[in-house]
């Protein structure tokens, strides 16, 4: 399980770094798709770790691609906290 967690964390880190490296060239639509993909990938990782995951986001009031991407980024941060917490528990 520890190897799985390390591998997952390494892949997630590589994905985030690659996304950040090309973020300046992305269109707003691409940034939104990237943010959605990040949430979906992290949700799958959490589910594989046995966690109950809520990936629902409230896009009310988010009218532009950038506003919607910001909502998904917030959801990703929430899921990242859940991942970090689970990772600490499994390390103990």
PDB file of N, CA and C in Angstrom:
ATOM      1  N   UNK A   1       0.820  -1.187   0.000  1.00  0.00           N
ATOM      2  CA  UNK A   1       0.000   0.000   0.000  1.00  0.00           C
ATOM      3  C   UNK A   1       0.865   1.252   0.000  1.00  0.00           C
ATOM      4  N   UNK A   2       1.989   1.205   0.712  1.00  0.00           N
ATOM      5  CA  UNK A   2       2.865   2.375   0.756  1.00  0.00           C
ATOM      6  C   UNK A   2       3.453   2.664  -0.622  1.00  0.00           C
ATOM      7  N   UNK A   3       3.808   1.601  -1.375  1.00  0.00           N
ATOM      8  CA  UNK A   3       4.335   1.815  -2.717  1.00  0.00           C
ATOM      9  C   UNK A   3       3.275   2.409  -3.631  1.00  0.00           C
ATOM     10  N   UNK A   4       2.049   1.938  -3.479  1.00  0.00           N
ATOM     11  CA  UNK A   4       0.951   2.483  -4.277  1.00  0.00           C
ATOM     12  C   UNK A   4       0.772   3.959  -3.983  1.00  0.00           C
ATOM     13  N   UNK A   5       0.814   4.323  -2.719  1.00  0.00           N
ATOM     14  CA  UNK A   5       0.650   5.710  -2.319  1.00  0.00           C
ATOM     15  C   UNK A   5       1.799   6.564  -2.858  1.00  0.00           C
ATOM     16  N   UNK A   6       3.015   6.074  -2.755  1.00  0.00           N
ATOM     17  CA  UNK A   6       4.164   6.816  -3.263  1.00  0.00           C
ATOM     18  C   UNK A   6       4.069   7.008  -4.774  1.00  0.00           C
ATOM     19  N   UNK A   7       3.666   5.959  -5.472  1.00  0.00           N
ATOM     20  CA  UNK A   7       3.530   6.036  -6.919  1.00  0.00           C
ATOM     21  C   UNK A   7       2.445   7.023  -7.301  1.00  0.00           C
ATOM     22  N   UNK A   8       1.319   6.946  -6.619  1.00  0.00           N
ATOM     23  CA  UNK A   8       0.216   7.852  -6.899  1.00  0.00           C
ATOM     24  C   UNK A   8       0.628   9.292  -6.646  1.00  0.00           C
ATOM     25  N   UNK A   9       1.291   9.529  -5.546  1.00  0.00           N
ATOM     26  CA  UNK A   9       1.743  10.876  -5.218  1.00  0.00           C
ATOM     27  C   UNK A   9       2.736  11.382  -6.251  1.00  0.00           C
ATOM     28  N   UNK A  10       3.629  10.528  -6.700  1.00  0.00           N
ATOM     29  CA  UNK A  10       4.610  10.921  -7.707  1.00  0.00           C
ATOM     30  C   UNK A  10       3.923  11.282  -9.021  1.00  0.00           C
ATOM     31  N   UNK A  11       2.943  10.476  -9.429  1.00  0.00           N
ATOM     32  CA  UNK A  11       2.215  10.764 -10.660  1.00  0.00           C
ATOM     33  C   UNK A  11       1.407  12.055 -10.547  1.00  0.00           C
ATOM     34  N   UNK A  12       0.792  12.256  -9.408  1.00  0.00           N
ATOM     35  CA  UNK A  12       0.013  13.470  -9.187  1.00  0.00           C
ATOM     36  C   UNK A  12       0.916  14.696  -9.211  1.00  0.00           C
ATOM     37  N   UNK A  13       2.064  14.604  -8.583  1.00  0.00           N
ATOM     38  CA  UNK A  13       3.010  15.711  -8.569  1.00  0.00           C
ATOM     39  C   UNK A  13       3.506  16.014  -9.979  1.00  0.00           C
ATOM     40  N   UNK A  14       3.828  14.985 -10.726  1.00  0.00           N
ATOM     41  CA  UNK A  14       4.295  15.175 -12.105  1.00  0.00           C
ATOM     42  C   UNK A  14       3.215  15.821 -12.958  1.00  0.00           C
ATOM     43  N   UNK A  15       1.977  15.403 -12.747  1.00  0.00           N
ATOM     44  CA  UNK A  15       0.864  15.975 -13.492  1.00  0.00           C
ATOM     45  C   UNK A  15       0.690  17.456 -13.185  1.00  0.00           C
ATOM     46  N   UNK A  16       0.762  17.798 -11.914  1.00  0.00           N
ATOM     47  CA  UNK A  16       0.612  19.195 -11.513  1.00  0.00           C
ATOM     48  C   UNK A  16       1.754  20.040 -12.067  1.00  0.00           C
ATOM     49  N   UNK A  17       2.966  19.510 -12.017  1.00  0.00           N
ATOM     50  CA  UNK A  17       4.119  20.252 -12.523  1.00  0.00           C
ATOM     51  C   UNK A  17       4.012  20.453 -14.033  1.00  0.00           C
ATOM     52  N   UNK A  18       3.591  19.442 -14.748  1.00  0.00           N
ATOM     53  CA  UNK A  18       3.448  19.558 -16.194  1.00  0.00           C
ATOM     54  C   UNK A  18       2.360  20.554 -16.544  1.00  0.00           C
ATOM     55  N   UNK A  19       1.278  20.521 -15.799  1.00  0.00           N
ATOM     56  CA  UNK A  19       0.191  21.459 -16.027  1.00  0.00           C
ATOM     57  C   UNK A  19       0.651  22.881 -15.771  1.00  0.00           C
ATOM     58  N   UNK A  20       1.373  23.083 -14.690  1.00  0.00           N
ATOM     59  CA  UNK A  20       1.853  24.421 -14.349  1.00  0.00           C
ATOM     60  C   UNK A  20       2.847  24.935 -15.385  1.00  0.00           C
ATOM     61  N   UNK A  21       3.657  24.053 -15.937  1.00  0.00           N
ATOM     62  CA  UNK A  21       4.662  24.467 -16.905  1.00  0.00           C
ATOM     63  C   UNK A  21       4.035  25.011 -18.180  1.00  0.00           C
ATOM     64  N   UNK A  22       2.878  24.496 -18.537  1.00  0.00           N
ATOM     65  CA  UNK A  22       2.228  24.923 -19.772  1.00  0.00           C
ATOM     66  C   UNK A  22       1.033  25.826 -19.540  1.00  0.00           C
ATOM     67  N   UNK A  23       0.809  26.245 -18.325  1.00  0.00           N
ATOM     68  CA  UNK A  23      -0.382  27.018 -17.988  1.00  0.00           C
ATOM     69  C   UNK A  23      -0.447  28.355 -18.710  1.00  0.00           C
ATOM     70  N   UNK A  24       0.678  28.962 -18.971  1.00  0.00           N
ATOM     71  CA  UNK A  24       0.674  30.275 -19.608  1.00  0.00           C
ATOM     72  C   UNK A  24       0.153  30.231 -21.040  1.00  0.00           C
ATOM     73  N   UNK A  25       0.261  29.091 -21.695  1.00  0.00           N
ATOM     74  CA  UNK A  25      -0.157  28.980 -23.087  1.00  0.00           C
ATOM     75  C   UNK A  25      -1.580  28.465 -23.242  1.00  0.00           C
ATOM     76  N   UNK A  26      -2.211  28.099 -22.154  1.00  0.00           N
ATOM     77  CA  UNK A  26      -3.554  27.526 -22.219  1.00  0.00           C
ATOM     78  C   UNK A  26      -4.613  28.602 -22.438  1.00  0.00           C
ATOM     79  N   UNK A  27      -5.638  28.213 -23.165  1.00  0.00           N
ATOM     80  CA  UNK A  27      -6.803  29.080 -23.290  1.00  0.00           C
ATOM     81  C   UNK A  27      -7.652  28.903 -22.036  1.00  0.00           C
ATOM     82  N   UNK A  28      -8.587  29.819 -21.774  1.00  0.00           N
ATOM     83  CA  UNK A  28      -9.464  29.636 -20.609  1.00  0.00           C
ATOM     84  C   UNK A  28     -10.201  28.300 -20.625  1.00  0.00           C
ATOM     85  N   UNK A  29     -10.623  27.866 -21.779  1.00  0.00           N
ATOM     86  CA  UNK A  29     -11.313  26.579 -21.895  1.00  0.00           C
ATOM     87  C   UNK A  29     -10.388  25.431 -21.511  1.00  0.00           C
ATOM     88  N   UNK A  30      -9.141  25.496 -21.939  1.00  0.00           N
ATOM     89  CA  UNK A  30      -8.182  24.450 -21.600  1.00  0.00           C
ATOM     90  C   UNK A  30      -7.870  24.447 -20.110  1.00  0.00           C
ATOM     91  N   UNK A  31      -7.786  25.628 -19.501  1.00  0.00           N
ATOM     92  CA  UNK A  31      -7.552  25.699 -18.053  1.00  0.00           C
ATOM     93  C   UNK A  31      -8.708  25.076 -17.292  1.00  0.00           C
ATOM     94  N   UNK A  32      -9.927  25.296 -17.767  1.00  0.00           N
ATOM     95  CA  UNK A  32     -11.099  24.690 -17.125  1.00  0.00           C
ATOM     96  C   UNK A  32     -11.036  23.171 -17.246  1.00  0.00           C
ATOM     97  N   UNK A  33     -10.731  22.669 -18.428  1.00  0.00           N
ATOM     98  CA  UNK A  33     -10.647  21.227 -18.624  1.00  0.00           C
ATOM     99  C   UNK A  33      -9.541  20.620 -17.769  1.00  0.00           C
ATOM    100  N   UNK A  34      -8.431  21.322 -17.646  1.00  0.00           N
ATOM    101  CA  UNK A  34      -7.332  20.845 -16.813  1.00  0.00           C
ATOM    102  C   UNK A  34      -7.745  20.791 -15.345  1.00  0.00           C
ATOM    103  N   UNK A  35      -8.453  21.818 -14.890  1.00  0.00           N
ATOM    104  CA  UNK A  35      -8.910  21.854 -13.493  1.00  0.00           C
ATOM    105  C   UNK A  35      -9.892  20.716 -13.228  1.00  0.00           C
ATOM    106  N   UNK A  36     -10.805  20.487 -14.170  1.00  0.00           N
ATOM    107  CA  UNK A  36     -11.755  19.375 -14.019  1.00  0.00           C
ATOM    108  C   UNK A  36     -11.014  18.042 -13.970  1.00  0.00           C
ATOM    109  N   UNK A  37     -10.040  17.876 -14.858  1.00  0.00           N
ATOM    110  CA  UNK A  37      -9.270  16.643 -14.903  1.00  0.00           C
ATOM    111  C   UNK A  37      -8.504  16.399 -13.612  1.00  0.00           C
ATOM    112  N   UNK A  38      -7.968  17.473 -13.030  1.00  0.00           N
ATOM    113  CA  UNK A  38      -7.255  17.341 -11.763  1.00  0.00           C
ATOM    114  C   UNK A  38      -8.162  16.864 -10.650  1.00  0.00           C
ATOM    115  N   UNK A  39      -9.377  17.397 -10.610  1.00  0.00           N
ATOM    116  CA  UNK A  39     -10.349  16.979  -9.590  1.00  0.00           C
ATOM    117  C   UNK A  39     -10.731  15.515  -9.807  1.00  0.00           C
ATOM    118  N   UNK A  40     -10.993  15.155 -11.048  1.00  0.00           N
ATOM    119  CA  UNK A  40     -11.383  13.776 -11.340  1.00  0.00           C
ATOM    120  C   UNK A  40     -10.268  12.792 -11.003  1.00  0.00           C
ATOM    121  N   UNK A  41      -9.034  13.137 -11.344  1.00  0.00           N
ATOM    122  CA  UNK A  41      -7.900  12.241 -11.070  1.00  0.00           C
ATOM    123  C   UNK A  41      -7.685  12.066  -9.575  1.00  0.00           C
ATOM    124  N   UNK A  42      -7.755  13.152  -8.842  1.00  0.00           N
ATOM    125  CA  UNK A  42      -7.562  13.069  -7.396  1.00  0.00           C
ATOM    126  C   UNK A  42      -8.713  12.312  -6.743  1.00  0.00           C
ATOM    127  N   UNK A  43      -9.918  12.478  -7.264  1.00  0.00           N
ATOM    128  CA  UNK A  43     -11.070  11.746  -6.731  1.00  0.00           C
ATOM    129  C   UNK A  43     -10.893  10.241  -6.923  1.00  0.00           C
ATOM    130  N   UNK A  44     -10.415   9.838  -8.081  1.00  0.00           N
ATOM    131  CA  UNK A  44     -10.181   8.413  -8.339  1.00  0.00           C
ATOM    132  C   UNK A  44      -9.120   7.875  -7.384  1.00  0.00           C
ATOM    133  N   UNK A  45      -8.073   8.647  -7.177  1.00  0.00           N
ATOM    134  CA  UNK A  45      -7.020   8.229  -6.252  1.00  0.00           C
ATOM    135  C   UNK A  45      -7.586   8.040  -4.850  1.00  0.00           C
ATOM    136  N   UNK A  46      -8.396   8.995  -4.412  1.00  0.00           N
ATOM    137  CA  UNK A  46      -8.995   8.903  -3.074  1.00  0.00           C
ATOM    138  C   UNK A  46      -9.925   7.699  -2.965  1.00  0.00           C
ATOM    139  N   UNK A  47     -10.714   7.464  -4.000  1.00  0.00           N
ATOM    140  CA  UNK A  47     -11.610   6.309  -3.981  1.00  0.00           C
ATOM    141  C   UNK A  47     -10.813   5.013  -3.918  1.00  0.00           C
ATOM    142  N   UNK A  48      -9.694   4.958  -4.620  1.00  0.00           N
ATOM    143  CA  UNK A  48      -8.834   3.768  -4.575  1.00  0.00           C
ATOM    144  C   UNK A  48      -8.217   3.576  -3.200  1.00  0.00           C
ATOM    145  N   UNK A  49      -8.108   4.652  -2.452  1.00  0.00           N
ATOM    146  CA  UNK A  49      -7.584   4.570  -1.085  1.00  0.00           C
ATOM    147  C   UNK A  49      -8.691   4.228  -0.089  1.00  0.00           C
ATOM    148  N   UNK A  50      -9.936   4.101  -0.579  1.00  0.00           N
ATOM    149  CA  UNK A  50     -11.059   3.730   0.270  1.00  0.00           C
ATOM    150  C   UNK A  50     -11.830   4.893   0.841  1.00  0.00           C
ATOM    151  N   UNK A  51     -11.574   6.091   0.349  1.00  0.00           N
ATOM    152  CA  UNK A  51     -12.249   7.279   0.877  1.00  0.00           C
ATOM    153  C   UNK A  51     -13.577   7.508   0.163  1.00  0.00           C
ATOM    154  N   UNK A  52     -14.480   8.136   0.878  1.00  0.00           N
ATOM    155  CA  UNK A  52     -15.725   8.596   0.289  1.00  0.00           C
ATOM    156  C   UNK A  52     -15.474  10.000  -0.257  1.00  0.00           C
ATOM    157  N   UNK A  53     -15.758  10.207  -1.544  1.00  0.00           N
ATOM    158  CA  UNK A  53     -15.372  11.448  -2.203  1.00  0.00           C
ATOM    159  C   UNK A  53     -16.595  12.154  -2.775  1.00  0.00           C
ATOM    160  N   UNK A  54     -16.659  13.455  -2.539  1.00  0.00           N
ATOM    161  CA  UNK A  54     -17.711  14.295  -3.128  1.00  0.00           C
ATOM    162  C   UNK A  54     -17.046  15.214  -4.139  1.00  0.00           C
ATOM    163  N   UNK A  55     -17.297  14.979  -5.425  1.00  0.00           N
ATOM    164  CA  UNK A  55     -16.691  15.797  -6.470  1.00  0.00           C
ATOM    165  C   UNK A  55     -17.638  16.869  -7.006  1.00  0.00           C
ATOM    166  N   UNK A  56     -18.789  17.005  -6.370  1.00  0.00           N
ATOM    167  CA  UNK A  56     -19.735  18.011  -6.826  1.00  0.00           C
ATOM    168  C   UNK A  56     -19.199  19.409  -6.578  1.00  0.00           C
ATOM    169  N   UNK A  57     -19.374  20.277  -7.577  1.00  0.00           N
ATOM    170  CA  UNK A  57     -18.989  21.675  -7.439  1.00  0.00           C
ATOM    171  C   UNK A  57     -20.197  22.533  -7.774  1.00  0.00           C
ATOM    172  N   UNK A  58     -20.288  23.679  -7.122  1.00  0.00           N
ATOM    173  CA  UNK A  58     -21.381  24.610  -7.356  1.00  0.00           C
ATOM    174  C   UNK A  58     -20.885  25.709  -8.290  1.00  0.00           C
ATOM    175  N   UNK A  59     -21.336  25.662  -9.537  1.00  0.00           N
ATOM    176  CA  UNK A  59     -20.914  26.641 -10.524  1.00  0.00           C
ATOM    177  C   UNK A  59     -21.869  27.823 -10.636  1.00  0.00           C
ATOM    178  N   UNK A  60     -22.827  27.918  -9.707  1.00  0.00           N
ATOM    179  CA  UNK A  60     -23.726  29.072  -9.722  1.00  0.00           C
ATOM    180  C   UNK A  60     -22.918  30.344  -9.500  1.00  0.00           C
ATOM    181  N   UNK A  61     -23.102  31.306 -10.357  1.00  0.00           N
ATOM    182  CA  UNK A  61     -22.384  32.564 -10.249  1.00  0.00           C
ATOM    183  C   UNK A  61     -21.051  32.559 -10.978  1.00  0.00           C
ATOM    184  N   UNK A  62     -20.599  31.392 -11.396  1.00  0.00           N
ATOM    185  CA  UNK A  62     -19.352  31.310 -12.164  1.00  0.00           C
ATOM    186  C   UNK A  62     -19.722  31.349 -13.642  1.00  0.00           C
ATOM    187  N   UNK A  63     -19.542  32.509 -14.259  1.00  0.00           N
ATOM    188  CA  UNK A  63     -20.006  32.696 -15.626  1.00  0.00           C
ATOM    189  C   UNK A  63     -18.922  32.533 -16.682  1.00  0.00           C
ATOM    190  N   UNK A  64     -17.681  32.756 -16.311  1.00  0.00           N
ATOM    191  CA  UNK A  64     -16.592  32.651 -17.284  1.00  0.00           C
ATOM    192  C   UNK A  64     -15.818  31.358 -17.063  1.00  0.00           C
ATOM    193  N   UNK A  65     -15.021  30.994 -18.065  1.00  0.00           N
ATOM    194  CA  UNK A  65     -14.182  29.795 -17.930  1.00  0.00           C
ATOM    195  C   UNK A  65     -13.237  29.937 -16.744  1.00  0.00           C
ATOM    196  N   UNK A  66     -12.650  31.122 -16.583  1.00  0.00           N
ATOM    197  CA  UNK A  66     -11.701  31.323 -15.485  1.00  0.00           C
ATOM    198  C   UNK A  66     -12.376  31.215 -14.124  1.00  0.00           C
ATOM    199  N   UNK A  67     -13.590  31.722 -14.000  1.00  0.00           N
ATOM    200  CA  UNK A  67     -14.321  31.607 -12.735  1.00  0.00           C
ATOM    201  C   UNK A  67     -14.648  30.146 -12.441  1.00  0.00           C
ATOM    202  N   UNK A  68     -15.046  29.418 -13.460  1.00  0.00           N
ATOM    203  CA  UNK A  68     -15.348  28.003 -13.275  1.00  0.00           C
ATOM    204  C   UNK A  68     -14.085  27.219 -12.925  1.00  0.00           C
ATOM    205  N   UNK A  69     -12.975  27.553 -13.571  1.00  0.00           N
ATOM    206  CA  UNK A  69     -11.706  26.890 -13.261  1.00  0.00           C
ATOM    207  C   UNK A  69     -11.313  27.158 -11.816  1.00  0.00           C
ATOM    208  N   UNK A  70     -11.578  28.373 -11.326  1.00  0.00           N
ATOM    209  CA  UNK A  70     -11.255  28.707  -9.934  1.00  0.00           C
ATOM    210  C   UNK A  70     -12.069  27.854  -8.965  1.00  0.00           C
ATOM    211  N   UNK A  71     -13.333  27.598  -9.302  1.00  0.00           N
ATOM    212  CA  UNK A  71     -14.176  26.747  -8.449  1.00  0.00           C
ATOM    213  C   UNK A  71     -13.604  25.330  -8.405  1.00  0.00           C
ATOM    214  N   UNK A  72     -13.200  24.810  -9.555  1.00  0.00           N
ATOM    215  CA  UNK A  72     -12.604  23.470  -9.587  1.00  0.00           C
ATOM    216  C   UNK A  72     -11.265  23.438  -8.855  1.00  0.00           C
ATOM    217  N   UNK A  73     -10.513  24.521  -8.933  1.00  0.00           N
ATOM    218  CA  UNK A  73      -9.245  24.594  -8.213  1.00  0.00           C
ATOM    219  C   UNK A  73      -9.480  24.543  -6.708  1.00  0.00           C
ATOM    220  N   UNK A  74     -10.518  25.224  -6.241  1.00  0.00           N
ATOM    221  CA  UNK A  74     -10.884  25.166  -4.817  1.00  0.00           C
ATOM    222  C   UNK A  74     -11.271  23.744  -4.420  1.00  0.00           C
ATOM    223  N   UNK A  75     -12.033  23.068  -5.269  1.00  0.00           N
ATOM    224  CA  UNK A  75     -12.435  21.681  -4.989  1.00  0.00           C
ATOM    225  C   UNK A  75     -11.198  20.784  -4.951  1.00  0.00           C
ATOM    226  N   UNK A  76     -10.259  21.029  -5.849  1.00  0.00           N
ATOM    227  CA  UNK A  76      -9.027  20.246  -5.860  1.00  0.00           C
ATOM    228  C   UNK A  76      -8.264  20.442  -4.555  1.00  0.00           C
ATOM    229  N   UNK A  77      -8.197  21.670  -4.072  1.00  0.00           N
ATOM    230  CA  UNK A  77      -7.507  21.946  -2.807  1.00  0.00           C
ATOM    231  C   UNK A  77      -8.188  21.214  -1.653  1.00  0.00           C
ATOM    232  N   UNK A  78      -9.513  21.176  -1.676  1.00  0.00           N
ATOM    233  CA  UNK A  78     -10.269  20.451  -0.643  1.00  0.00           C
ATOM    234  C   UNK A  78      -9.946  18.956  -0.689  1.00  0.00           C
ATOM    235  N   UNK A  79      -9.938  18.397  -1.894  1.00  0.00           N
ATOM    236  CA  UNK A  79      -9.628  16.974  -2.042  1.00  0.00           C
ATOM    237  C   UNK A  79      -8.171  16.689  -1.694  1.00  0.00           C
ATOM    238  N   UNK A  80      -7.287  17.649  -1.984  1.00  0.00           N
ATOM    239  CA  UNK A  80      -5.873  17.462  -1.646  1.00  0.00           C
ATOM    240  C   UNK A  80      -5.695  17.378  -0.136  1.00  0.00           C
ATOM    241  N   UNK A  81      -6.448  18.176   0.610  1.00  0.00           N
ATOM    242  CA  UNK A  81      -6.390  18.101   2.073  1.00  0.00           C
ATOM    243  C   UNK A  81      -6.842  16.725   2.555  1.00  0.00           C
ATOM    244  N   UNK A  82      -7.899  16.210   1.927  1.00  0.00           N
ATOM    245  CA  UNK A  82      -8.396  14.884   2.281  1.00  0.00           C
ATOM    246  C   UNK A  82      -7.330  13.831   1.961  1.00  0.00           C
ATOM    247  N   UNK A  83      -6.669  13.964   0.821  1.00  0.00           N
ATOM    248  CA  UNK A  83      -5.610  13.032   0.440  1.00  0.00           C
ATOM    249  C   UNK A  83      -4.463  13.093   1.452  1.00  0.00           C
ATOM    250  N   UNK A  84      -4.044  14.304   1.790  1.00  0.00           N
ATOM    251  CA  UNK A  84      -2.943  14.468   2.746  1.00  0.00           C
ATOM    252  C   UNK A  84      -3.278  13.833   4.080  1.00  0.00           C
ATOM    253  N   UNK A  85      -4.515  14.016   4.524  1.00  0.00           N
ATOM    254  CA  UNK A  85      -4.960  13.449   5.797  1.00  0.00           C
ATOM    255  C   UNK A  85      -4.926  11.922   5.747  1.00  0.00           C
ATOM    256  N   UNK A  86      -5.435  11.346   4.679  1.00  0.00           N
ATOM    257  CA  UNK A  86      -5.427   9.884   4.527  1.00  0.00           C
ATOM    258  C   UNK A  86      -3.995   9.360   4.442  1.00  0.00           C
ATOM    259  N   UNK A  87      -3.160  10.091   3.756  1.00  0.00           N
ATOM    260  CA  UNK A  87      -1.774   9.685   3.608  1.00  0.00           C
ATOM    261  C   UNK A  87      -1.057   9.677   4.958  1.00  0.00           C
ATOM    262  N   UNK A  88      -1.350  10.664   5.792  1.00  0.00           N
ATOM    263  CA  UNK A  88      -0.757  10.697   7.135  1.00  0.00           C
ATOM    264  C   UNK A  88      -1.251   9.534   7.991  1.00  0.00           C
ATOM    265  N   UNK A  89      -2.534   9.224   7.878  1.00  0.00           N
ATOM    266  CA  UNK A  89      -3.101   8.128   8.642  1.00  0.00           C
ATOM    267  C   UNK A  89      -2.471   6.796   8.244  1.00  0.00           C
ATOM    268  N   UNK A  90      -2.257   6.611   6.952  1.00  0.00           N
ATOM    269  CA  UNK A  90      -1.687   5.340   6.487  1.00  0.00           C
ATOM    270  C   UNK A  90      -0.206   5.226   6.850  1.00  0.00           C
ATOM    271  N   UNK A  91       0.457   6.359   7.050  1.00  0.00           N
ATOM    272  CA  UNK A  91       1.877   6.342   7.411  1.00  0.00           C
ATOM    273  C   UNK A  91       2.087   6.018   8.881  1.00  0.00           C
ATOM    274  N   UNK A  92       1.063   6.216   9.688  1.00  0.00           N
ATOM    275  CA  UNK A  92       1.199   5.992  11.138  1.00  0.00           C
ATOM    276  C   UNK A  92       1.132   4.544  11.503  1.00  0.00           C
TER     277      UNK A  92
END
